Amino acid sequence: MKAELLGVSAELLAVDPLAAARRLLGATLVGRGTSALIVEVEAYGGPADGPWPDPAAHSFRGPGPRNWVMFGPAGRLYTYRSHGIHVCANVACATDGVAGAVLLRAAALESGLEVAQRRRGDSVRPAALARGPGNLCSALGITMDDNGLDLFDPNSEIQVQLAEERPAAEGPRVGVSKAADRPWRLWLAGRPEVSLYRRSPRAPAPDQSD
């Protein structure tokens, strides 16, 4: 299948969170004056009674007023504030009614560098503009108002273009205190835009968590 044909359907993300993360790694986010290659992602599951129980996921306690997007359909943007400050973006996966999402952790600007620089500030180096989930949203102009946005709608202000899967490095997720050892963080090796791994101080010792 040609790479340019891969990004036409959200059905490609109607899979388990880790498979969806592999499909989003190396995809391109386009909109609001920028385009960026996704170079780092993290997969998140759902409630205890779902197919991928994940106590670190916002959906673990079931659907609510804010996390309903995580329960599908696939291809919708789920936004939230980290520590009440930074906007972070996830892409819903799996099937409608089943929770799963992929956190967009880092991206490399391919166009609109000056636009992203104005949003982040002149002192930020290009490789760091969209490094980290909060910085990614800031650089690409993603806001809380984008919650529920369909990334595959050609009329959406932000769209995702999937490409062929790339070889991925993998390791534990960043900053989570539960299910901390799952190798559900994926990144493109050698990219300077990838964030550093930081284990939560509240997480159990390595190899003592699932």
N, C-alpha and C. Protein backbone atom coordinates (compact mmCIF):
# COMPACT_ATOMS: atom_id res chain seq x y z
N MET A 1 0.85 -1.20 0.00
CA MET A 1 0.00 0.00 0.00
C MET A 1 0.88 1.24 0.00
N LYS A 2 0.60 2.16 -0.87
CA LYS A 2 1.39 3.37 -0.95
C LYS A 2 1.18 4.25 0.28
N ALA A 3 2.24 4.89 0.74
CA ALA A 3 2.18 5.70 1.95
C ALA A 3 1.15 6.81 1.82
N GLU A 4 1.01 7.41 0.62
CA GLU A 4 0.10 8.53 0.50
C GLU A 4 -1.35 8.11 0.58
N LEU A 5 -1.63 6.80 0.50
CA LEU A 5 -3.01 6.33 0.57
C LEU A 5 -3.39 5.88 1.97
N LEU A 6 -2.44 5.83 2.87
CA LEU A 6 -2.70 5.26 4.18
C LEU A 6 -3.55 6.16 5.07
N GLY A 7 -3.48 7.45 4.88
CA GLY A 7 -4.10 8.36 5.83
C GLY A 7 -5.53 8.73 5.55
N VAL A 8 -6.24 7.93 4.76
CA VAL A 8 -7.57 8.35 4.32
C VAL A 8 -8.69 7.86 5.23
N SER A 9 -8.42 6.98 6.17
CA SER A 9 -9.50 6.39 6.95
C SER A 9 -9.11 6.18 8.40
N ALA A 10 -10.03 6.58 9.29
CA ALA A 10 -9.81 6.35 10.72
C ALA A 10 -9.90 4.88 11.08
N GLU A 11 -10.42 4.06 10.19
CA GLU A 11 -10.51 2.63 10.46
C GLU A 11 -9.14 2.01 10.71
N LEU A 12 -8.10 2.63 10.19
CA LEU A 12 -6.75 2.13 10.41
C LEU A 12 -6.34 2.25 11.87
N LEU A 13 -7.06 3.07 12.65
CA LEU A 13 -6.77 3.22 14.08
C LEU A 13 -7.77 2.45 14.94
N ALA A 14 -8.68 1.73 14.32
CA ALA A 14 -9.67 0.94 15.06
C ALA A 14 -9.05 -0.39 15.48
N VAL A 15 -7.98 -0.28 16.24
CA VAL A 15 -7.18 -1.43 16.67
C VAL A 15 -6.79 -1.21 18.13
N ASP A 16 -6.03 -2.13 18.70
CA ASP A 16 -5.62 -1.96 20.09
C ASP A 16 -4.67 -0.77 20.22
N PRO A 17 -4.54 -0.18 21.42
CA PRO A 17 -3.76 1.05 21.59
C PRO A 17 -2.31 0.95 21.12
N LEU A 18 -1.65 -0.18 21.38
CA LEU A 18 -0.25 -0.29 20.99
C LEU A 18 -0.12 -0.35 19.47
N ALA A 19 -1.02 -1.06 18.81
CA ALA A 19 -0.99 -1.10 17.34
C ALA A 19 -1.29 0.27 16.77
N ALA A 20 -2.23 1.00 17.39
CA ALA A 20 -2.54 2.36 16.93
C ALA A 20 -1.35 3.28 17.13
N ALA A 21 -0.63 3.10 18.23
CA ALA A 21 0.56 3.92 18.48
C ALA A 21 1.61 3.70 17.39
N ARG A 22 1.77 2.45 16.97
CA ARG A 22 2.74 2.16 15.91
C ARG A 22 2.32 2.81 14.59
N ARG A 23 1.02 2.91 14.37
CA ARG A 23 0.54 3.52 13.13
C ARG A 23 0.65 5.04 13.17
N LEU A 24 0.55 5.62 14.35
CA LEU A 24 0.65 7.07 14.46
C LEU A 24 2.10 7.55 14.49
N LEU A 25 3.00 6.69 14.93
CA LEU A 25 4.41 7.07 14.92
C LEU A 25 4.87 7.20 13.47
N GLY A 26 5.38 8.36 13.12
CA GLY A 26 5.78 8.61 11.75
C GLY A 26 4.69 9.22 10.89
N ALA A 27 3.51 9.43 11.48
CA ALA A 27 2.43 10.13 10.77
C ALA A 27 2.70 11.63 10.82
N THR A 28 1.91 12.39 10.07
CA THR A 28 2.09 13.84 10.00
C THR A 28 0.84 14.54 10.46
N LEU A 29 1.00 15.51 11.35
CA LEU A 29 -0.08 16.39 11.77
C LEU A 29 -0.02 17.66 10.94
N VAL A 30 -1.15 18.05 10.37
CA VAL A 30 -1.20 19.20 9.49
C VAL A 30 -2.30 20.14 9.95
N GLY A 31 -2.01 21.44 9.98
CA GLY A 31 -3.05 22.41 10.30
C GLY A 31 -2.55 23.60 11.06
N ARG A 32 -3.32 24.69 10.98
CA ARG A 32 -3.01 25.94 11.69
C ARG A 32 -1.61 26.45 11.38
N GLY A 33 -1.24 26.36 10.11
CA GLY A 33 0.01 26.95 9.67
C GLY A 33 1.24 26.10 9.85
N THR A 34 1.08 24.85 10.29
CA THR A 34 2.24 23.99 10.51
C THR A 34 1.96 22.59 10.00
N SER A 35 3.01 21.85 9.79
CA SER A 35 2.93 20.39 9.64
C SER A 35 4.11 19.81 10.40
N ALA A 36 3.89 18.65 11.02
CA ALA A 36 4.94 18.08 11.87
C ALA A 36 4.88 16.57 11.85
N LEU A 37 6.05 15.96 11.84
CA LEU A 37 6.19 14.51 11.88
C LEU A 37 6.12 14.04 13.33
N ILE A 38 5.25 13.10 13.62
CA ILE A 38 5.12 12.56 14.98
C ILE A 38 6.28 11.61 15.24
N VAL A 39 7.11 11.92 16.24
CA VAL A 39 8.32 11.13 16.49
C VAL A 39 8.27 10.38 17.82
N GLU A 40 7.24 10.61 18.64
CA GLU A 40 7.14 9.94 19.94
C GLU A 40 5.69 9.86 20.36
N VAL A 41 5.26 8.69 20.82
CA VAL A 41 3.87 8.47 21.23
C VAL A 41 3.86 7.56 22.46
N GLU A 42 2.69 7.53 23.14
CA GLU A 42 2.46 6.60 24.25
C GLU A 42 1.06 6.03 24.12
N ALA A 43 0.93 4.74 24.32
CA ALA A 43 -0.37 4.07 24.24
C ALA A 43 -1.01 4.00 25.62
N TYR A 44 -2.35 4.14 25.65
CA TYR A 44 -3.13 4.03 26.88
C TYR A 44 -4.38 3.21 26.62
N GLY A 45 -4.70 2.35 27.58
CA GLY A 45 -5.85 1.47 27.46
C GLY A 45 -7.11 2.04 28.06
N GLY A 46 -7.84 1.22 28.84
CA GLY A 46 -9.13 1.64 29.35
C GLY A 46 -9.48 1.02 30.68
N PRO A 47 -10.79 0.86 30.95
CA PRO A 47 -11.26 0.37 32.25
C PRO A 47 -10.87 -1.08 32.53
N ALA A 48 -11.04 -1.45 33.79
CA ALA A 48 -10.68 -2.80 34.22
C ALA A 48 -11.48 -3.87 33.51
N ASP A 49 -12.71 -3.55 33.11
CA ASP A 49 -13.55 -4.54 32.43
C ASP A 49 -13.43 -4.49 30.91
N GLY A 50 -12.49 -3.70 30.40
CA GLY A 50 -12.29 -3.60 28.97
C GLY A 50 -11.19 -4.54 28.50
N PRO A 51 -10.91 -4.55 27.21
CA PRO A 51 -9.90 -5.48 26.67
C PRO A 51 -8.47 -5.12 27.04
N TRP A 52 -8.22 -3.85 27.42
CA TRP A 52 -6.85 -3.42 27.75
C TRP A 52 -6.86 -2.63 29.05
N PRO A 53 -7.09 -3.29 30.20
CA PRO A 53 -7.14 -2.58 31.48
C PRO A 53 -5.85 -1.78 31.70
N ASP A 54 -6.03 -0.52 32.09
CA ASP A 54 -4.86 0.35 32.23
C ASP A 54 -5.12 1.38 33.33
N PRO A 55 -4.62 1.14 34.54
CA PRO A 55 -4.87 2.06 35.64
C PRO A 55 -4.22 3.43 35.45
N ALA A 56 -3.33 3.58 34.48
CA ALA A 56 -2.71 4.88 34.21
C ALA A 56 -3.54 5.72 33.23
N ALA A 57 -4.57 5.12 32.64
CA ALA A 57 -5.36 5.82 31.63
C ALA A 57 -6.46 6.66 32.26
N HIS A 58 -6.77 7.79 31.65
CA HIS A 58 -7.86 8.64 32.11
C HIS A 58 -9.21 7.93 32.02
N SER A 59 -9.28 6.90 31.20
CA SER A 59 -10.53 6.18 30.99
C SER A 59 -10.73 5.02 31.96
N PHE A 60 -9.81 4.81 32.90
CA PHE A 60 -9.83 3.61 33.72
C PHE A 60 -11.10 3.50 34.56
N ARG A 61 -11.64 4.62 34.99
CA ARG A 61 -12.85 4.59 35.83
C ARG A 61 -14.13 4.72 35.01
N GLY A 62 -14.01 4.61 33.71
CA GLY A 62 -15.19 4.67 32.85
C GLY A 62 -15.38 6.05 32.24
N PRO A 63 -16.36 6.18 31.36
CA PRO A 63 -16.57 7.45 30.65
C PRO A 63 -17.10 8.54 31.57
N GLY A 64 -16.71 9.78 31.28
CA GLY A 64 -17.16 10.94 32.04
C GLY A 64 -17.27 12.15 31.16
N PRO A 65 -17.57 13.31 31.73
CA PRO A 65 -17.76 14.53 30.94
C PRO A 65 -16.54 14.95 30.14
N ARG A 66 -15.33 14.59 30.62
CA ARG A 66 -14.12 15.02 29.92
C ARG A 66 -13.49 13.92 29.07
N ASN A 67 -13.55 12.67 29.51
CA ASN A 67 -12.79 11.63 28.82
C ASN A 67 -13.61 10.83 27.82
N TRP A 68 -14.83 11.25 27.54
CA TRP A 68 -15.71 10.49 26.66
C TRP A 68 -15.10 10.24 25.29
N VAL A 69 -14.24 11.13 24.83
CA VAL A 69 -13.63 10.97 23.51
C VAL A 69 -12.78 9.70 23.45
N MET A 70 -12.20 9.30 24.58
CA MET A 70 -11.36 8.11 24.60
C MET A 70 -12.15 6.84 24.29
N PHE A 71 -13.46 6.90 24.38
CA PHE A 71 -14.32 5.74 24.13
C PHE A 71 -14.81 5.68 22.68
N GLY A 72 -14.15 6.41 21.82
CA GLY A 72 -14.41 6.31 20.39
C GLY A 72 -15.41 7.31 19.88
N PRO A 73 -15.51 7.35 18.55
CA PRO A 73 -14.85 6.50 17.57
C PRO A 73 -13.37 6.86 17.38
N ALA A 74 -12.68 5.99 16.66
CA ALA A 74 -11.25 6.20 16.43
C ALA A 74 -11.01 7.43 15.58
N GLY A 75 -9.85 8.04 15.79
CA GLY A 75 -9.45 9.18 14.98
C GLY A 75 -9.87 10.53 15.52
N ARG A 76 -10.48 10.56 16.70
CA ARG A 76 -10.87 11.82 17.32
C ARG A 76 -9.78 12.29 18.28
N LEU A 77 -9.67 13.59 18.41
CA LEU A 77 -8.66 14.19 19.28
C LEU A 77 -9.22 14.33 20.70
N TYR A 78 -8.50 13.81 21.66
CA TYR A 78 -8.84 13.96 23.08
C TYR A 78 -7.81 14.88 23.71
N THR A 79 -8.27 16.03 24.21
CA THR A 79 -7.36 17.00 24.83
C THR A 79 -7.64 17.10 26.33
N TYR A 80 -6.60 17.35 27.10
CA TYR A 80 -6.73 17.57 28.54
C TYR A 80 -5.60 18.47 28.99
N ARG A 81 -5.71 18.98 30.20
CA ARG A 81 -4.66 19.82 30.76
C ARG A 81 -3.82 19.02 31.76
N SER A 82 -2.53 19.01 31.54
CA SER A 82 -1.61 18.38 32.47
C SER A 82 -1.29 19.35 33.60
N HIS A 83 -1.50 18.90 34.83
CA HIS A 83 -1.28 19.73 36.01
C HIS A 83 -2.11 21.02 35.94
N GLY A 84 -3.20 20.96 35.20
CA GLY A 84 -4.08 22.12 35.08
C GLY A 84 -3.52 23.25 34.25
N ILE A 85 -2.40 23.01 33.56
CA ILE A 85 -1.72 24.10 32.84
C ILE A 85 -1.56 23.77 31.35
N HIS A 86 -0.82 22.72 31.05
CA HIS A 86 -0.41 22.44 29.67
C HIS A 86 -1.45 21.58 28.95
N VAL A 87 -1.84 21.99 27.76
CA VAL A 87 -2.75 21.19 26.95
C VAL A 87 -1.98 20.03 26.33
N CYS A 88 -2.53 18.83 26.44
CA CYS A 88 -1.95 17.64 25.83
C CYS A 88 -2.98 17.00 24.90
N ALA A 89 -2.51 16.30 23.88
CA ALA A 89 -3.41 15.75 22.87
C ALA A 89 -3.20 14.25 22.70
N ASN A 90 -4.30 13.54 22.64
CA ASN A 90 -4.32 12.11 22.37
C ASN A 90 -5.19 11.85 21.14
N VAL A 91 -4.97 10.73 20.51
CA VAL A 91 -5.81 10.29 19.40
C VAL A 91 -6.54 9.03 19.84
N ALA A 92 -7.87 9.06 19.81
CA ALA A 92 -8.66 7.90 20.19
C ALA A 92 -8.45 6.78 19.18
N CYS A 93 -8.46 5.55 19.70
CA CYS A 93 -8.31 4.38 18.83
C CYS A 93 -9.37 3.35 19.21
N ALA A 94 -9.18 2.11 18.81
CA ALA A 94 -10.11 1.01 19.08
C ALA A 94 -11.44 1.26 18.38
N THR A 95 -12.51 0.65 18.88
CA THR A 95 -13.82 0.78 18.26
C THR A 95 -14.73 1.62 19.14
N ASP A 96 -15.79 2.11 18.55
CA ASP A 96 -16.71 2.98 19.28
C ASP A 96 -17.25 2.27 20.51
N GLY A 97 -17.11 2.91 21.68
CA GLY A 97 -17.56 2.34 22.93
C GLY A 97 -16.47 1.62 23.70
N VAL A 98 -15.30 1.42 23.09
CA VAL A 98 -14.17 0.76 23.73
C VAL A 98 -13.06 1.77 23.90
N ALA A 99 -12.57 1.95 25.13
CA ALA A 99 -11.61 3.01 25.40
C ALA A 99 -10.20 2.62 24.99
N GLY A 100 -9.51 3.57 24.38
CA GLY A 100 -8.12 3.45 24.03
C GLY A 100 -7.67 4.75 23.39
N ALA A 101 -6.43 5.13 23.60
CA ALA A 101 -5.94 6.38 23.02
C ALA A 101 -4.42 6.36 22.96
N VAL A 102 -3.89 7.26 22.14
CA VAL A 102 -2.45 7.38 21.96
C VAL A 102 -2.07 8.83 22.24
N LEU A 103 -1.23 9.04 23.24
CA LEU A 103 -0.74 10.37 23.57
C LEU A 103 0.34 10.77 22.57
N LEU A 104 0.21 11.98 22.03
CA LEU A 104 1.22 12.51 21.13
C LEU A 104 2.28 13.22 21.97
N ARG A 105 3.47 12.62 22.07
CA ARG A 105 4.48 13.13 22.99
C ARG A 105 5.45 14.11 22.35
N ALA A 106 5.78 13.92 21.08
CA ALA A 106 6.75 14.82 20.46
C ALA A 106 6.60 14.78 18.95
N ALA A 107 6.98 15.88 18.31
CA ALA A 107 6.90 15.98 16.86
C ALA A 107 8.04 16.85 16.34
N ALA A 108 8.35 16.67 15.07
CA ALA A 108 9.40 17.45 14.40
C ALA A 108 8.74 18.33 13.36
N LEU A 109 8.92 19.63 13.46
CA LEU A 109 8.31 20.57 12.51
C LEU A 109 8.88 20.34 11.11
N GLU A 110 7.99 20.21 10.15
CA GLU A 110 8.39 20.06 8.75
C GLU A 110 8.07 21.31 7.94
N SER A 111 7.05 22.04 8.35
CA SER A 111 6.74 23.33 7.74
C SER A 111 6.08 24.20 8.80
N GLY A 112 6.10 25.51 8.58
CA GLY A 112 5.53 26.43 9.56
C GLY A 112 6.42 26.65 10.76
N LEU A 113 7.73 26.51 10.55
CA LEU A 113 8.67 26.67 11.66
C LEU A 113 8.53 28.04 12.31
N GLU A 114 8.40 29.08 11.51
CA GLU A 114 8.29 30.43 12.06
C GLU A 114 7.00 30.60 12.86
N VAL A 115 5.92 29.95 12.40
CA VAL A 115 4.66 30.01 13.13
C VAL A 115 4.81 29.36 14.50
N ALA A 116 5.40 28.17 14.52
CA ALA A 116 5.62 27.46 15.78
C ALA A 116 6.57 28.23 16.69
N GLN A 117 7.57 28.87 16.10
CA GLN A 117 8.53 29.65 16.89
C GLN A 117 7.84 30.82 17.58
N ARG A 118 6.93 31.48 16.89
CA ARG A 118 6.19 32.58 17.52
C ARG A 118 5.34 32.08 18.67
N ARG A 119 4.77 30.91 18.52
CA ARG A 119 3.92 30.36 19.59
C ARG A 119 4.74 29.95 20.81
N ARG A 120 5.95 29.46 20.59
CA ARG A 120 6.78 28.96 21.69
C ARG A 120 7.77 29.98 22.22
N GLY A 121 8.16 30.96 21.38
CA GLY A 121 9.15 31.93 21.81
C GLY A 121 10.45 31.79 21.05
N ASP A 122 11.12 32.90 20.85
CA ASP A 122 12.33 32.92 20.03
C ASP A 122 13.50 32.16 20.64
N SER A 123 13.49 31.99 21.95
CA SER A 123 14.63 31.34 22.61
C SER A 123 14.60 29.81 22.51
N VAL A 124 13.48 29.24 22.04
CA VAL A 124 13.35 27.78 21.98
C VAL A 124 14.02 27.26 20.71
N ARG A 125 14.91 26.29 20.88
CA ARG A 125 15.58 25.70 19.73
C ARG A 125 14.60 24.90 18.87
N PRO A 126 14.81 24.84 17.55
CA PRO A 126 13.88 24.14 16.68
C PRO A 126 13.58 22.70 17.11
N ALA A 127 14.59 21.97 17.54
CA ALA A 127 14.38 20.58 17.94
C ALA A 127 13.49 20.46 19.17
N ALA A 128 13.40 21.53 19.97
CA ALA A 128 12.62 21.49 21.21
C ALA A 128 11.23 22.11 21.07
N LEU A 129 10.90 22.60 19.90
CA LEU A 129 9.62 23.31 19.74
C LEU A 129 8.42 22.43 20.09
N ALA A 130 8.44 21.18 19.65
CA ALA A 130 7.31 20.28 19.91
C ALA A 130 7.77 19.04 20.66
N ARG A 131 8.76 19.20 21.52
CA ARG A 131 9.28 18.10 22.33
C ARG A 131 8.53 18.08 23.65
N GLY A 132 7.80 17.02 23.91
CA GLY A 132 6.95 16.94 25.09
C GLY A 132 5.52 17.25 24.69
N PRO A 133 4.54 16.58 25.30
CA PRO A 133 3.14 16.72 24.87
C PRO A 133 2.57 18.14 24.99
N GLY A 134 2.94 18.86 26.05
CA GLY A 134 2.46 20.23 26.19
C GLY A 134 3.06 21.15 25.15
N ASN A 135 4.35 21.00 24.90
CA ASN A 135 5.01 21.82 23.90
C ASN A 135 4.50 21.52 22.50
N LEU A 136 4.20 20.25 22.24
CA LEU A 136 3.65 19.87 20.94
C LEU A 136 2.36 20.63 20.66
N CYS A 137 1.45 20.64 21.63
CA CYS A 137 0.19 21.34 21.43
C CYS A 137 0.40 22.84 21.29
N SER A 138 1.30 23.40 22.08
CA SER A 138 1.57 24.83 21.99
C SER A 138 2.12 25.18 20.61
N ALA A 139 3.09 24.42 20.12
CA ALA A 139 3.72 24.71 18.83
C ALA A 139 2.76 24.57 17.67
N LEU A 140 1.86 23.58 17.75
CA LEU A 140 0.95 23.31 16.64
C LEU A 140 -0.39 24.01 16.78
N GLY A 141 -0.58 24.76 17.85
CA GLY A 141 -1.81 25.52 18.01
C GLY A 141 -3.01 24.69 18.42
N ILE A 142 -2.78 23.55 19.08
CA ILE A 142 -3.87 22.69 19.56
C ILE A 142 -4.34 23.20 20.92
N THR A 143 -5.64 23.36 21.09
CA THR A 143 -6.22 23.91 22.32
C THR A 143 -7.26 22.96 22.91
N MET A 144 -7.76 23.31 24.08
CA MET A 144 -8.80 22.51 24.71
C MET A 144 -10.08 22.50 23.88
N ASP A 145 -10.30 23.52 23.08
CA ASP A 145 -11.49 23.56 22.23
C ASP A 145 -11.47 22.50 21.14
N ASP A 146 -10.32 21.87 20.93
CA ASP A 146 -10.21 20.84 19.90
C ASP A 146 -10.64 19.47 20.39
N ASN A 147 -11.08 19.36 21.62
CA ASN A 147 -11.53 18.07 22.14
C ASN A 147 -12.67 17.52 21.29
N GLY A 148 -12.50 16.30 20.78
CA GLY A 148 -13.51 15.67 19.94
C GLY A 148 -13.32 15.91 18.46
N LEU A 149 -12.35 16.72 18.06
CA LEU A 149 -12.13 17.03 16.65
C LEU A 149 -11.79 15.76 15.87
N ASP A 150 -12.36 15.62 14.69
CA ASP A 150 -12.13 14.46 13.82
C ASP A 150 -10.91 14.74 12.96
N LEU A 151 -9.83 14.03 13.24
CA LEU A 151 -8.57 14.27 12.54
C LEU A 151 -8.59 13.77 11.10
N PHE A 152 -9.61 13.01 10.72
CA PHE A 152 -9.71 12.50 9.36
C PHE A 152 -10.75 13.23 8.53
N ASP A 153 -11.38 14.23 9.10
CA ASP A 153 -12.35 15.05 8.37
C ASP A 153 -11.57 16.06 7.53
N PRO A 154 -11.76 16.07 6.21
CA PRO A 154 -11.00 17.01 5.37
C PRO A 154 -11.31 18.47 5.68
N ASN A 155 -12.37 18.73 6.43
CA ASN A 155 -12.72 20.11 6.81
C ASN A 155 -12.18 20.50 8.18
N SER A 156 -11.54 19.57 8.88
CA SER A 156 -11.01 19.87 10.20
C SER A 156 -9.80 20.79 10.10
N GLU A 157 -9.64 21.67 11.08
CA GLU A 157 -8.49 22.57 11.09
C GLU A 157 -7.19 21.84 11.35
N ILE A 158 -7.27 20.68 11.98
CA ILE A 158 -6.10 19.84 12.22
C ILE A 158 -6.41 18.45 11.68
N GLN A 159 -5.50 17.90 10.91
CA GLN A 159 -5.71 16.58 10.32
C GLN A 159 -4.45 15.74 10.51
N VAL A 160 -4.63 14.43 10.46
CA VAL A 160 -3.51 13.52 10.54
C VAL A 160 -3.40 12.74 9.24
N GLN A 161 -2.18 12.57 8.79
CA GLN A 161 -1.90 11.81 7.58
C GLN A 161 -1.02 10.62 7.97
N LEU A 162 -1.60 9.43 7.95
CA LEU A 162 -0.84 8.24 8.32
C LEU A 162 0.11 7.85 7.20
N ALA A 163 1.17 7.16 7.55
CA ALA A 163 2.14 6.66 6.59
C ALA A 163 2.48 5.22 6.95
N GLU A 164 3.34 4.63 6.18
CA GLU A 164 3.74 3.27 6.49
C GLU A 164 4.46 3.22 7.83
N GLU A 165 4.26 2.13 8.57
CA GLU A 165 4.88 2.00 9.87
C GLU A 165 6.40 2.02 9.76
N ARG A 166 7.02 2.63 10.76
CA ARG A 166 8.47 2.72 10.82
C ARG A 166 9.00 1.89 11.99
N PRO A 167 10.24 1.45 11.91
CA PRO A 167 10.83 0.75 13.06
C PRO A 167 10.81 1.67 14.29
N ALA A 168 10.39 1.14 15.42
CA ALA A 168 10.22 1.96 16.62
C ALA A 168 11.07 1.43 17.76
N ALA A 169 11.68 2.36 18.50
CA ALA A 169 12.25 2.04 19.80
C ALA A 169 11.12 2.03 20.81
N GLU A 170 11.25 1.30 21.88
CA GLU A 170 10.17 1.23 22.86
C GLU A 170 10.71 1.19 24.27
N GLY A 171 9.89 1.67 25.21
CA GLY A 171 10.28 1.69 26.61
C GLY A 171 9.11 2.07 27.48
N PRO A 172 9.30 2.17 28.79
CA PRO A 172 8.21 2.50 29.71
C PRO A 172 7.70 3.91 29.50
N ARG A 173 6.45 4.12 29.88
CA ARG A 173 5.82 5.43 29.72
C ARG A 173 6.39 6.44 30.71
N VAL A 174 6.27 7.70 30.35
CA VAL A 174 6.88 8.78 31.13
C VAL A 174 5.91 9.28 32.20
N GLY A 175 6.40 9.40 33.42
CA GLY A 175 5.68 10.12 34.46
C GLY A 175 4.46 9.47 35.05
N VAL A 176 4.14 8.21 34.70
CA VAL A 176 2.95 7.56 35.27
C VAL A 176 3.36 6.77 36.50
N SER A 177 2.49 6.75 37.50
CA SER A 177 2.80 6.05 38.74
C SER A 177 2.22 4.65 38.76
N LYS A 178 1.29 4.33 37.85
CA LYS A 178 0.68 3.01 37.77
C LYS A 178 0.96 2.41 36.40
N ALA A 179 1.09 1.08 36.37
CA ALA A 179 1.44 0.39 35.13
C ALA A 179 2.66 1.06 34.50
N ALA A 180 3.64 1.37 35.34
CA ALA A 180 4.77 2.21 34.93
C ALA A 180 5.79 1.50 34.05
N ASP A 181 5.79 0.17 34.09
CA ASP A 181 6.82 -0.56 33.35
C ASP A 181 6.36 -1.05 31.98
N ARG A 182 5.13 -0.78 31.62
CA ARG A 182 4.68 -1.22 30.30
C ARG A 182 5.49 -0.51 29.21
N PRO A 183 6.02 -1.25 28.25
CA PRO A 183 6.80 -0.62 27.17
C PRO A 183 5.88 -0.05 26.10
N TRP A 184 5.02 0.87 26.51
CA TRP A 184 4.00 1.43 25.63
C TRP A 184 4.37 2.83 25.14
N ARG A 185 5.59 3.23 25.37
CA ARG A 185 6.11 4.47 24.78
C ARG A 185 6.97 4.09 23.59
N LEU A 186 6.68 4.67 22.44
CA LEU A 186 7.40 4.37 21.21
C LEU A 186 7.99 5.64 20.65
N TRP A 187 9.17 5.53 20.03
CA TRP A 187 9.77 6.71 19.43
C TRP A 187 10.66 6.32 18.26
N LEU A 188 10.95 7.30 17.42
CA LEU A 188 11.87 7.10 16.31
C LEU A 188 13.28 7.35 16.82
N ALA A 189 14.09 6.32 16.82
CA ALA A 189 15.44 6.40 17.38
C ALA A 189 16.27 7.42 16.61
N GLY A 190 17.08 8.14 17.37
CA GLY A 190 18.01 9.09 16.77
C GLY A 190 17.44 10.46 16.49
N ARG A 191 16.16 10.66 16.75
CA ARG A 191 15.56 11.97 16.50
C ARG A 191 15.80 12.89 17.70
N PRO A 192 16.35 14.08 17.49
CA PRO A 192 16.63 14.98 18.62
C PRO A 192 15.36 15.56 19.24
N GLU A 193 14.24 15.42 18.56
CA GLU A 193 12.99 15.98 19.09
C GLU A 193 12.35 15.10 20.16
N VAL A 194 12.81 13.86 20.30
CA VAL A 194 12.24 12.93 21.28
C VAL A 194 12.57 13.40 22.69
N SER A 195 11.60 13.29 23.60
CA SER A 195 11.79 13.76 24.96
C SER A 195 12.60 12.76 25.78
N LEU A 196 13.11 13.22 26.91
CA LEU A 196 13.86 12.37 27.82
C LEU A 196 12.89 11.54 28.66
N TYR A 197 13.34 10.33 29.03
CA TYR A 197 12.52 9.50 29.91
C TYR A 197 12.66 9.97 31.35
N ARG A 198 11.52 10.18 31.98
CA ARG A 198 11.51 10.53 33.41
C ARG A 198 10.50 9.64 34.11
N ARG A 199 10.97 8.84 35.03
CA ARG A 199 10.09 7.96 35.79
C ARG A 199 9.45 8.74 36.92
N SER A 200 8.17 8.49 37.15
CA SER A 200 7.47 9.17 38.23
C SER A 200 8.08 8.76 39.58
N PRO A 201 8.31 9.72 40.48
CA PRO A 201 8.82 9.36 41.81
C PRO A 201 7.80 8.56 42.62
N ARG A 202 6.55 8.58 42.18
CA ARG A 202 5.50 7.82 42.88
C ARG A 202 5.33 6.41 42.33
N ALA A 203 6.07 6.07 41.28
CA ALA A 203 5.98 4.73 40.69
C ALA A 203 6.76 3.73 41.53
N PRO A 204 6.35 2.46 41.53
CA PRO A 204 7.14 1.43 42.21
C PRO A 204 8.52 1.32 41.58
N ALA A 205 9.41 0.64 42.25
CA ALA A 205 10.74 0.41 41.70
C ALA A 205 10.61 -0.33 40.37
N PRO A 206 11.55 -0.13 39.45
CA PRO A 206 11.49 -0.85 38.18
C PRO A 206 11.30 -2.34 38.35
N ASP A 207 10.51 -2.92 37.47
CA ASP A 207 10.17 -4.36 37.47
C ASP A 207 9.23 -4.75 38.60
N GLN A 208 8.69 -3.76 39.32
CA GLN A 208 7.68 -4.07 40.35
C GLN A 208 6.32 -3.52 39.97
N SER A 209 6.17 -3.14 38.72
CA SER A 209 4.91 -2.63 38.20
C SER A 209 4.66 -3.32 36.88
N ASP A 210 3.38 -3.42 36.47
CA ASP A 210 3.12 -4.07 35.19
C ASP A 210 3.39 -3.12 34.03
